[in-house]
């Protein structure tokens, strides 16, 4: 019974991660279009865009960690670290 409960928990976590990925992807696309329409007026939104991309990549890394896919996990963590650095640089520049 404990194994079935753990499998259900992992499935629920995967469903939540899928929902987070979908919502963040849509928000990132809409925000990117919004920034592109008026670049000079929306410069302050660039760090927010990169912060959302950081969270998205972190959730993908967490899913890879749950799947025990170490290569993809490490790659996603490196990309997430890069996006976090870009986010901090963006906040400093704005």
PDB file of N, CA and C in Angstrom:
ATOM      1  N   UNK A   1       0.812  -1.201   0.000  1.00  0.00           N
ATOM      2  CA  UNK A   1       0.000   0.000   0.000  1.00  0.00           C
ATOM      3  C   UNK A   1       0.858   1.268   0.000  1.00  0.00           C
ATOM      4  N   UNK A   2       1.987   1.214   0.666  1.00  0.00           N
ATOM      5  CA  UNK A   2       2.839   2.389   0.736  1.00  0.00           C
ATOM      6  C   UNK A   2       3.404   2.731  -0.639  1.00  0.00           C
ATOM      7  N   UNK A   3       3.708   1.722  -1.442  1.00  0.00           N
ATOM      8  CA  UNK A   3       4.230   1.959  -2.786  1.00  0.00           C
ATOM      9  C   UNK A   3       3.169   2.629  -3.649  1.00  0.00           C
ATOM     10  N   UNK A   4       1.918   2.186  -3.544  1.00  0.00           N
ATOM     11  CA  UNK A   4       0.845   2.798  -4.324  1.00  0.00           C
ATOM     12  C   UNK A   4       0.642   4.257  -3.923  1.00  0.00           C
ATOM     13  N   UNK A   5       0.772   4.536  -2.644  1.00  0.00           N
ATOM     14  CA  UNK A   5       0.603   5.903  -2.174  1.00  0.00           C
ATOM     15  C   UNK A   5       1.740   6.781  -2.704  1.00  0.00           C
ATOM     16  N   UNK A   6       2.964   6.246  -2.738  1.00  0.00           N
ATOM     17  CA  UNK A   6       4.090   7.007  -3.268  1.00  0.00           C
ATOM     18  C   UNK A   6       3.935   7.261  -4.764  1.00  0.00           C
ATOM     19  N   UNK A   7       3.428   6.263  -5.484  1.00  0.00           N
ATOM     20  CA  UNK A   7       3.204   6.438  -6.924  1.00  0.00           C
ATOM     21  C   UNK A   7       2.151   7.511  -7.162  1.00  0.00           C
ATOM     22  N   UNK A   8       1.105   7.512  -6.366  1.00  0.00           N
ATOM     23  CA  UNK A   8       0.070   8.546  -6.505  1.00  0.00           C
ATOM     24  C   UNK A   8       0.638   9.934  -6.199  1.00  0.00           C
ATOM     25  N   UNK A   9       1.489  10.005  -5.190  1.00  0.00           N
ATOM     26  CA  UNK A   9       2.090  11.283  -4.824  1.00  0.00           C
ATOM     27  C   UNK A   9       2.976  11.807  -5.948  1.00  0.00           C
ATOM     28  N   UNK A  10       3.773  10.936  -6.540  1.00  0.00           N
ATOM     29  CA  UNK A  10       4.636  11.342  -7.649  1.00  0.00           C
ATOM     30  C   UNK A  10       3.797  11.785  -8.842  1.00  0.00           C
ATOM     31  N   UNK A  11       2.716  11.090  -9.120  1.00  0.00           N
ATOM     32  CA  UNK A  11       1.834  11.500 -10.221  1.00  0.00           C
ATOM     33  C   UNK A  11       1.213  12.864  -9.960  1.00  0.00           C
ATOM     34  N   UNK A  12       0.813  13.118  -8.714  1.00  0.00           N
ATOM     35  CA  UNK A  12       0.263  14.426  -8.379  1.00  0.00           C
ATOM     36  C   UNK A  12       1.312  15.515  -8.540  1.00  0.00           C
ATOM     37  N   UNK A  13       2.541  15.216  -8.126  1.00  0.00           N
ATOM     38  CA  UNK A  13       3.623  16.192  -8.280  1.00  0.00           C
ATOM     39  C   UNK A  13       3.868  16.477  -9.756  1.00  0.00           C
ATOM     40  N   UNK A  14       3.864  15.425 -10.596  1.00  0.00           N
ATOM     41  CA  UNK A  14       4.052  15.623 -12.027  1.00  0.00           C
ATOM     42  C   UNK A  14       2.924  16.454 -12.624  1.00  0.00           C
ATOM     43  N   UNK A  15       1.699  16.238 -12.171  1.00  0.00           N
ATOM     44  CA  UNK A  15       0.565  17.026 -12.671  1.00  0.00           C
ATOM     45  C   UNK A  15       0.710  18.501 -12.290  1.00  0.00           C
ATOM     46  N   UNK A  16       1.141  18.751 -11.065  1.00  0.00           N
ATOM     47  CA  UNK A  16       1.347  20.133 -10.625  1.00  0.00           C
ATOM     48  C   UNK A  16       2.474  20.776 -11.418  1.00  0.00           C
ATOM     49  N   UNK A  17       3.559  20.036 -11.641  1.00  0.00           N
ATOM     50  CA  UNK A  17       4.673  20.576 -12.427  1.00  0.00           C
ATOM     51  C   UNK A  17       4.254  20.860 -13.865  1.00  0.00           C
ATOM     52  N   UNK A  18       3.437  19.988 -14.440  1.00  0.00           N
ATOM     53  CA  UNK A  18       2.929  20.245 -15.794  1.00  0.00           C
ATOM     54  C   UNK A  18       2.095  21.512 -15.837  1.00  0.00           C
ATOM     55  N   UNK A  19       1.242  21.696 -14.844  1.00  0.00           N
ATOM     56  CA  UNK A  19       0.408  22.891 -14.782  1.00  0.00           C
ATOM     57  C   UNK A  19       1.265  24.145 -14.623  1.00  0.00           C
ATOM     58  N   UNK A  20       2.269  24.082 -13.762  1.00  0.00           N
ATOM     59  CA  UNK A  20       3.179  25.220 -13.560  1.00  0.00           C
ATOM     60  C   UNK A  20       3.914  25.543 -14.859  1.00  0.00           C
ATOM     61  N   UNK A  21       4.381  24.504 -15.552  1.00  0.00           N
ATOM     62  CA  UNK A  21       5.089  24.720 -16.812  1.00  0.00           C
ATOM     63  C   UNK A  21       4.196  25.367 -17.863  1.00  0.00           C
ATOM     64  N   UNK A  22       2.970  24.919 -17.958  1.00  0.00           N
ATOM     65  CA  UNK A  22       2.046  25.486 -18.948  1.00  0.00           C
ATOM     66  C   UNK A  22       1.743  26.947 -18.623  1.00  0.00           C
ATOM     67  N   UNK A  23       1.422  27.221 -17.378  1.00  0.00           N
ATOM     68  CA  UNK A  23       1.078  28.593 -16.987  1.00  0.00           C
ATOM     69  C   UNK A  23       2.271  29.521 -17.177  1.00  0.00           C
ATOM     70  N   UNK A  24       3.453  29.099 -16.714  1.00  0.00           N
ATOM     71  CA  UNK A  24       4.628  29.953 -16.868  1.00  0.00           C
ATOM     72  C   UNK A  24       4.999  30.161 -18.331  1.00  0.00           C
ATOM     73  N   UNK A  25       4.852  29.136 -19.141  1.00  0.00           N
ATOM     74  CA  UNK A  25       5.160  29.272 -20.566  1.00  0.00           C
ATOM     75  C   UNK A  25       4.252  30.298 -21.230  1.00  0.00           C
ATOM     76  N   UNK A  26       2.975  30.238 -20.932  1.00  0.00           N
ATOM     77  CA  UNK A  26       2.027  31.195 -21.512  1.00  0.00           C
ATOM     78  C   UNK A  26       2.329  32.612 -21.020  1.00  0.00           C
ATOM     79  N   UNK A  27       2.608  32.752 -19.733  1.00  0.00           N
ATOM     80  CA  UNK A  27       2.904  34.081 -19.187  1.00  0.00           C
ATOM     81  C   UNK A  27       4.192  34.635 -19.791  1.00  0.00           C
ATOM     82  N   UNK A  28       5.198  33.793 -19.964  1.00  0.00           N
ATOM     83  CA  UNK A  28       6.464  34.240 -20.552  1.00  0.00           C
ATOM     84  C   UNK A  28       6.248  34.694 -21.991  1.00  0.00           C
ATOM     85  N   UNK A  29       5.468  33.953 -22.753  1.00  0.00           N
ATOM     86  CA  UNK A  29       5.208  34.332 -24.144  1.00  0.00           C
ATOM     87  C   UNK A  29       4.445  35.652 -24.217  1.00  0.00           C
ATOM     88  N   UNK A  30       3.403  35.789 -23.406  1.00  0.00           N
ATOM     89  CA  UNK A  30       2.611  37.026 -23.409  1.00  0.00           C
ATOM     90  C   UNK A  30       3.468  38.210 -22.959  1.00  0.00           C
ATOM     91  N   UNK A  31       4.264  38.016 -21.924  1.00  0.00           N
ATOM     92  CA  UNK A  31       5.124  39.088 -21.446  1.00  0.00           C
ATOM     93  C   UNK A  31       6.182  39.457 -22.485  1.00  0.00           C
ATOM     94  N   UNK A  32       6.727  38.453 -23.170  1.00  0.00           N
ATOM     95  CA  UNK A  32       7.698  38.719 -24.228  1.00  0.00           C
ATOM     96  C   UNK A  32       7.101  39.527 -25.358  1.00  0.00           C
ATOM     97  N   UNK A  33       5.884  39.201 -25.755  1.00  0.00           N
ATOM     98  CA  UNK A  33       5.201  39.972 -26.799  1.00  0.00           C
ATOM     99  C   UNK A  33       4.917  41.390 -26.315  1.00  0.00           C
ATOM    100  N   UNK A  34       4.489  41.514 -25.068  1.00  0.00           N
ATOM    101  CA  UNK A  34       4.199  42.820 -24.482  1.00  0.00           C
ATOM    102  C   UNK A  34       5.454  43.690 -24.451  1.00  0.00           C
ATOM    103  N   UNK A  35       6.591  43.094 -24.106  1.00  0.00           N
ATOM    104  CA  UNK A  35       7.853  43.834 -24.075  1.00  0.00           C
ATOM    105  C   UNK A  35       8.270  44.217 -25.499  1.00  0.00           C
ATOM    106  N   UNK A  36       8.103  43.293 -26.437  1.00  0.00           N
ATOM    107  CA  UNK A  36       8.522  43.539 -27.820  1.00  0.00           C
ATOM    108  C   UNK A  36       7.738  44.678 -28.463  1.00  0.00           C
ATOM    109  N   UNK A  37       6.486  44.833 -28.098  1.00  0.00           N
ATOM    110  CA  UNK A  37       5.654  45.889 -28.681  1.00  0.00           C
ATOM    111  C   UNK A  37       6.193  47.271 -28.321  1.00  0.00           C
ATOM    112  N   UNK A  38       6.632  47.446 -27.083  1.00  0.00           N
ATOM    113  CA  UNK A  38       7.144  48.742 -26.632  1.00  0.00           C
ATOM    114  C   UNK A  38       8.407  48.506 -25.806  1.00  0.00           C
ATOM    115  N   UNK A  39       9.518  48.328 -26.478  1.00  0.00           N
ATOM    116  CA  UNK A  39      10.762  47.973 -25.798  1.00  0.00           C
ATOM    117  C   UNK A  39      11.238  49.089 -24.864  1.00  0.00           C
ATOM    118  N   UNK A  40      11.205  50.303 -25.320  1.00  0.00           N
ATOM    119  CA  UNK A  40      11.726  51.398 -24.501  1.00  0.00           C
ATOM    120  C   UNK A  40      10.873  51.645 -23.255  1.00  0.00           C
ATOM    121  N   UNK A  41       9.598  51.420 -23.350  1.00  0.00           N
ATOM    122  CA  UNK A  41       8.727  51.656 -22.204  1.00  0.00           C
ATOM    123  C   UNK A  41       8.653  50.498 -21.228  1.00  0.00           C
ATOM    124  N   UNK A  42       9.091  49.324 -21.661  1.00  0.00           N
ATOM    125  CA  UNK A  42       8.969  48.140 -20.814  1.00  0.00           C
ATOM    126  C   UNK A  42      10.319  47.511 -20.479  1.00  0.00           C
ATOM    127  N   UNK A  43      11.337  48.327 -20.384  1.00  0.00           N
ATOM    128  CA  UNK A  43      12.666  47.803 -20.054  1.00  0.00           C
ATOM    129  C   UNK A  43      12.695  47.165 -18.666  1.00  0.00           C
ATOM    130  N   UNK A  44      11.872  47.647 -17.784  1.00  0.00           N
ATOM    131  CA  UNK A  44      11.869  47.132 -16.409  1.00  0.00           C
ATOM    132  C   UNK A  44      11.295  45.721 -16.330  1.00  0.00           C
ATOM    133  N   UNK A  45      10.616  45.281 -17.379  1.00  0.00           N
ATOM    134  CA  UNK A  45      10.023  43.941 -17.358  1.00  0.00           C
ATOM    135  C   UNK A  45      10.989  42.846 -17.802  1.00  0.00           C
ATOM    136  N   UNK A  46      12.144  43.216 -18.365  1.00  0.00           N
ATOM    137  CA  UNK A  46      13.105  42.205 -18.781  1.00  0.00           C
ATOM    138  C   UNK A  46      13.576  41.323 -17.621  1.00  0.00           C
ATOM    139  N   UNK A  47      13.952  41.893 -16.462  1.00  0.00           N
ATOM    140  CA  UNK A  47      14.351  41.023 -15.348  1.00  0.00           C
ATOM    141  C   UNK A  47      13.223  40.104 -14.875  1.00  0.00           C
ATOM    142  N   UNK A  48      11.994  40.586 -14.948  1.00  0.00           N
ATOM    143  CA  UNK A  48      10.854  39.752 -14.553  1.00  0.00           C
ATOM    144  C   UNK A  48      10.702  38.581 -15.519  1.00  0.00           C
ATOM    145  N   UNK A  49      10.915  38.847 -16.796  1.00  0.00           N
ATOM    146  CA  UNK A  49      10.856  37.797 -17.812  1.00  0.00           C
ATOM    147  C   UNK A  49      11.917  36.736 -17.552  1.00  0.00           C
ATOM    148  N   UNK A  50      13.134  37.164 -17.259  1.00  0.00           N
ATOM    149  CA  UNK A  50      14.201  36.206 -16.984  1.00  0.00           C
ATOM    150  C   UNK A  50      13.979  35.477 -15.663  1.00  0.00           C
ATOM    151  N   UNK A  51      13.362  36.137 -14.698  1.00  0.00           N
ATOM    152  CA  UNK A  51      13.046  35.471 -13.434  1.00  0.00           C
ATOM    153  C   UNK A  51      12.017  34.361 -13.640  1.00  0.00           C
ATOM    154  N   UNK A  52      11.026  34.622 -14.478  1.00  0.00           N
ATOM    155  CA  UNK A  52      10.037  33.585 -14.788  1.00  0.00           C
ATOM    156  C   UNK A  52      10.671  32.430 -15.552  1.00  0.00           C
ATOM    157  N   UNK A  53      11.588  32.747 -16.458  1.00  0.00           N
ATOM    158  CA  UNK A  53      12.295  31.688 -17.184  1.00  0.00           C
ATOM    159  C   UNK A  53      13.157  30.869 -16.226  1.00  0.00           C
ATOM    160  N   UNK A  54      13.736  31.520 -15.217  1.00  0.00           N
ATOM    161  CA  UNK A  54      14.503  30.806 -14.192  1.00  0.00           C
ATOM    162  C   UNK A  54      13.620  29.824 -13.434  1.00  0.00           C
ATOM    163  N   UNK A  55      12.456  30.272 -13.024  1.00  0.00           N
ATOM    164  CA  UNK A  55      11.534  29.401 -12.287  1.00  0.00           C
ATOM    165  C   UNK A  55      11.070  28.238 -13.173  1.00  0.00           C
ATOM    166  N   UNK A  56      10.811  28.512 -14.436  1.00  0.00           N
ATOM    167  CA  UNK A  56      10.406  27.462 -15.369  1.00  0.00           C
ATOM    168  C   UNK A  56      11.500  26.411 -15.521  1.00  0.00           C
ATOM    169  N   UNK A  57      12.733  26.836 -15.708  1.00  0.00           N
ATOM    170  CA  UNK A  57      13.831  25.886 -15.836  1.00  0.00           C
ATOM    171  C   UNK A  57      14.092  25.134 -14.536  1.00  0.00           C
ATOM    172  N   UNK A  58      13.875  25.790 -13.416  1.00  0.00           N
ATOM    173  CA  UNK A  58      14.039  25.110 -12.131  1.00  0.00           C
ATOM    174  C   UNK A  58      12.985  24.027 -11.952  1.00  0.00           C
ATOM    175  N   UNK A  59      11.768  24.280 -12.399  1.00  0.00           N
ATOM    176  CA  UNK A  59      10.734  23.247 -12.294  1.00  0.00           C
ATOM    177  C   UNK A  59      11.023  22.080 -13.238  1.00  0.00           C
ATOM    178  N   UNK A  60      11.604  22.372 -14.399  1.00  0.00           N
ATOM    179  CA  UNK A  60      11.997  21.294 -15.316  1.00  0.00           C
ATOM    180  C   UNK A  60      13.141  20.483 -14.706  1.00  0.00           C
ATOM    181  N   UNK A  61      14.066  21.163 -14.036  1.00  0.00           N
ATOM    182  CA  UNK A  61      15.163  20.456 -13.365  1.00  0.00           C
ATOM    183  C   UNK A  61      14.639  19.567 -12.244  1.00  0.00           C
ATOM    184  N   UNK A  62      13.646  20.052 -11.509  1.00  0.00           N
ATOM    185  CA  UNK A  62      13.062  19.252 -10.435  1.00  0.00           C
ATOM    186  C   UNK A  62      12.391  18.006 -10.992  1.00  0.00           C
ATOM    187  N   UNK A  63      11.720  18.155 -12.109  1.00  0.00           N
ATOM    188  CA  UNK A  63      11.072  16.995 -12.739  1.00  0.00           C
ATOM    189  C   UNK A  63      12.128  15.987 -13.214  1.00  0.00           C
ATOM    190  N   UNK A  64      13.233  16.479 -13.773  1.00  0.00           N
ATOM    191  CA  UNK A  64      14.311  15.587 -14.209  1.00  0.00           C
ATOM    192  C   UNK A  64      14.928  14.882 -13.007  1.00  0.00           C
ATOM    193  N   UNK A  65      15.018  15.584 -11.879  1.00  0.00           N
ATOM    194  CA  UNK A  65      15.548  14.960 -10.660  1.00  0.00           C
ATOM    195  C   UNK A  65      14.613  13.857 -10.172  1.00  0.00           C
ATOM    196  N   UNK A  66      13.310  14.092 -10.255  1.00  0.00           N
ATOM    197  CA  UNK A  66      12.354  13.066  -9.847  1.00  0.00           C
ATOM    198  C   UNK A  66      12.408  11.854 -10.769  1.00  0.00           C
ATOM    199  N   UNK A  67      12.685  12.086 -12.047  1.00  0.00           N
ATOM    200  CA  UNK A  67      12.795  10.986 -13.005  1.00  0.00           C
ATOM    201  C   UNK A  67      14.152  10.299 -12.944  1.00  0.00           C
ATOM    202  N   UNK A  68      15.049  10.797 -12.102  1.00  0.00           N
ATOM    203  CA  UNK A  68      16.393  10.255 -11.937  1.00  0.00           C
ATOM    204  C   UNK A  68      17.191  10.369 -13.237  1.00  0.00           C
ATOM    205  N   UNK A  69      17.028  11.490 -13.916  1.00  0.00           N
ATOM    206  CA  UNK A  69      17.745  11.793 -15.148  1.00  0.00           C
ATOM    207  C   UNK A  69      18.812  12.827 -14.807  1.00  0.00           C
ATOM    208  N   UNK A  70      19.983  12.356 -14.377  1.00  0.00           N
ATOM    209  CA  UNK A  70      21.007  13.243 -13.820  1.00  0.00           C
ATOM    210  C   UNK A  70      21.596  14.194 -14.859  1.00  0.00           C
ATOM    211  N   UNK A  71      21.769  13.736 -16.087  1.00  0.00           N
ATOM    212  CA  UNK A  71      22.340  14.597 -17.118  1.00  0.00           C
ATOM    213  C   UNK A  71      21.462  15.799 -17.406  1.00  0.00           C
ATOM    214  N   UNK A  72      20.187  15.526 -17.615  1.00  0.00           N
ATOM    215  CA  UNK A  72      19.244  16.618 -17.889  1.00  0.00           C
ATOM    216  C   UNK A  72      19.102  17.518 -16.666  1.00  0.00           C
ATOM    217  N   UNK A  73      19.136  16.937 -15.475  1.00  0.00           N
ATOM    218  CA  UNK A  73      19.025  17.694 -14.234  1.00  0.00           C
ATOM    219  C   UNK A  73      20.165  18.701 -14.119  1.00  0.00           C
ATOM    220  N   UNK A  74      21.380  18.258 -14.388  1.00  0.00           N
ATOM    221  CA  UNK A  74      22.539  19.142 -14.273  1.00  0.00           C
ATOM    222  C   UNK A  74      22.488  20.235 -15.343  1.00  0.00           C
ATOM    223  N   UNK A  75      22.122  19.872 -16.560  1.00  0.00           N
ATOM    224  CA  UNK A  75      22.028  20.868 -17.630  1.00  0.00           C
ATOM    225  C   UNK A  75      20.986  21.933 -17.287  1.00  0.00           C
ATOM    226  N   UNK A  76      19.833  21.515 -16.780  1.00  0.00           N
ATOM    227  CA  UNK A  76      18.784  22.471 -16.424  1.00  0.00           C
ATOM    228  C   UNK A  76      19.209  23.358 -15.255  1.00  0.00           C
ATOM    229  N   UNK A  77      19.975  22.806 -14.317  1.00  0.00           N
ATOM    230  CA  UNK A  77      20.468  23.625 -13.211  1.00  0.00           C
ATOM    231  C   UNK A  77      21.467  24.670 -13.697  1.00  0.00           C
ATOM    232  N   UNK A  78      22.321  24.303 -14.649  1.00  0.00           N
ATOM    233  CA  UNK A  78      23.285  25.260 -15.201  1.00  0.00           C
ATOM    234  C   UNK A  78      22.543  26.379 -15.937  1.00  0.00           C
ATOM    235  N   UNK A  79      21.546  26.014 -16.736  1.00  0.00           N
ATOM    236  CA  UNK A  79      20.749  27.018 -17.443  1.00  0.00           C
ATOM    237  C   UNK A  79      20.013  27.904 -16.437  1.00  0.00           C
ATOM    238  N   UNK A  80      19.489  27.304 -15.374  1.00  0.00           N
ATOM    239  CA  UNK A  80      18.792  28.083 -14.348  1.00  0.00           C
ATOM    240  C   UNK A  80      19.730  29.057 -13.657  1.00  0.00           C
ATOM    241  N   UNK A  81      20.950  28.615 -13.374  1.00  0.00           N
ATOM    242  CA  UNK A  81      21.930  29.504 -12.737  1.00  0.00           C
ATOM    243  C   UNK A  81      22.271  30.671 -13.654  1.00  0.00           C
ATOM    244  N   UNK A  82      22.420  30.397 -14.964  1.00  0.00           N
ATOM    245  CA  UNK A  82      22.692  31.458 -15.926  1.00  0.00           C
ATOM    246  C   UNK A  82      21.539  32.463 -15.959  1.00  0.00           C
ATOM    247  N   UNK A  83      20.304  31.958 -15.988  1.00  0.00           N
ATOM    248  CA  UNK A  83      19.144  32.855 -16.019  1.00  0.00           C
ATOM    249  C   UNK A  83      19.030  33.670 -14.739  1.00  0.00           C
ATOM    250  N   UNK A  84      19.406  33.082 -13.615  1.00  0.00           N
ATOM    251  CA  UNK A  84      19.382  33.833 -12.364  1.00  0.00           C
ATOM    252  C   UNK A  84      20.424  34.950 -12.389  1.00  0.00           C
ATOM    253  N   UNK A  85      21.602  34.679 -12.940  1.00  0.00           N
ATOM    254  CA  UNK A  85      22.628  35.724 -13.074  1.00  0.00           C
ATOM    255  C   UNK A  85      22.147  36.841 -13.984  1.00  0.00           C
ATOM    256  N   UNK A  86      21.514  36.480 -15.097  1.00  0.00           N
ATOM    257  CA  UNK A  86      20.985  37.491 -16.016  1.00  0.00           C
ATOM    258  C   UNK A  86      19.886  38.304 -15.331  1.00  0.00           C
ATOM    259  N   UNK A  87      19.081  37.650 -14.506  1.00  0.00           N
ATOM    260  CA  UNK A  87      18.034  38.354 -13.773  1.00  0.00           C
ATOM    261  C   UNK A  87      18.634  39.387 -12.828  1.00  0.00           C
ATOM    262  N   UNK A  88      19.659  38.995 -12.069  1.00  0.00           N
ATOM    263  CA  UNK A  88      20.294  39.939 -11.154  1.00  0.00           C
ATOM    264  C   UNK A  88      20.947  41.100 -11.905  1.00  0.00           C
ATOM    265  N   UNK A  89      21.604  40.794 -13.022  1.00  0.00           N
ATOM    266  CA  UNK A  89      22.190  41.851 -13.834  1.00  0.00           C
ATOM    267  C   UNK A  89      21.120  42.789 -14.380  1.00  0.00           C
ATOM    268  N   UNK A  90      19.992  42.233 -14.748  1.00  0.00           N
ATOM    269  CA  UNK A  90      18.882  43.051 -15.231  1.00  0.00           C
ATOM    270  C   UNK A  90      18.329  43.970 -14.157  1.00  0.00           C
ATOM    271  N   UNK A  91      18.194  43.427 -12.938  1.00  0.00           N
ATOM    272  CA  UNK A  91      17.693  44.272 -11.849  1.00  0.00           C
ATOM    273  C   UNK A  91      18.691  45.378 -11.514  1.00  0.00           C
ATOM    274  N   UNK A  92      19.978  45.082 -11.610  1.00  0.00           N
ATOM    275  CA  UNK A  92      20.993  46.099 -11.335  1.00  0.00           C
ATOM    276  C   UNK A  92      20.980  47.162 -12.428  1.00  0.00           C
ATOM    277  N   UNK A  93      20.836  46.742 -13.685  1.00  0.00           N
ATOM    278  CA  UNK A  93      20.889  47.696 -14.804  1.00  0.00           C
ATOM    279  C   UNK A  93      19.670  48.603 -14.867  1.00  0.00           C
ATOM    280  N   UNK A  94      18.544  48.092 -14.403  1.00  0.00           N
ATOM    281  CA  UNK A  94      17.312  48.895 -14.479  1.00  0.00           C
ATOM    282  C   UNK A  94      17.284  49.781 -13.299  1.00  0.00           C
TER     283      UNK A  94
END
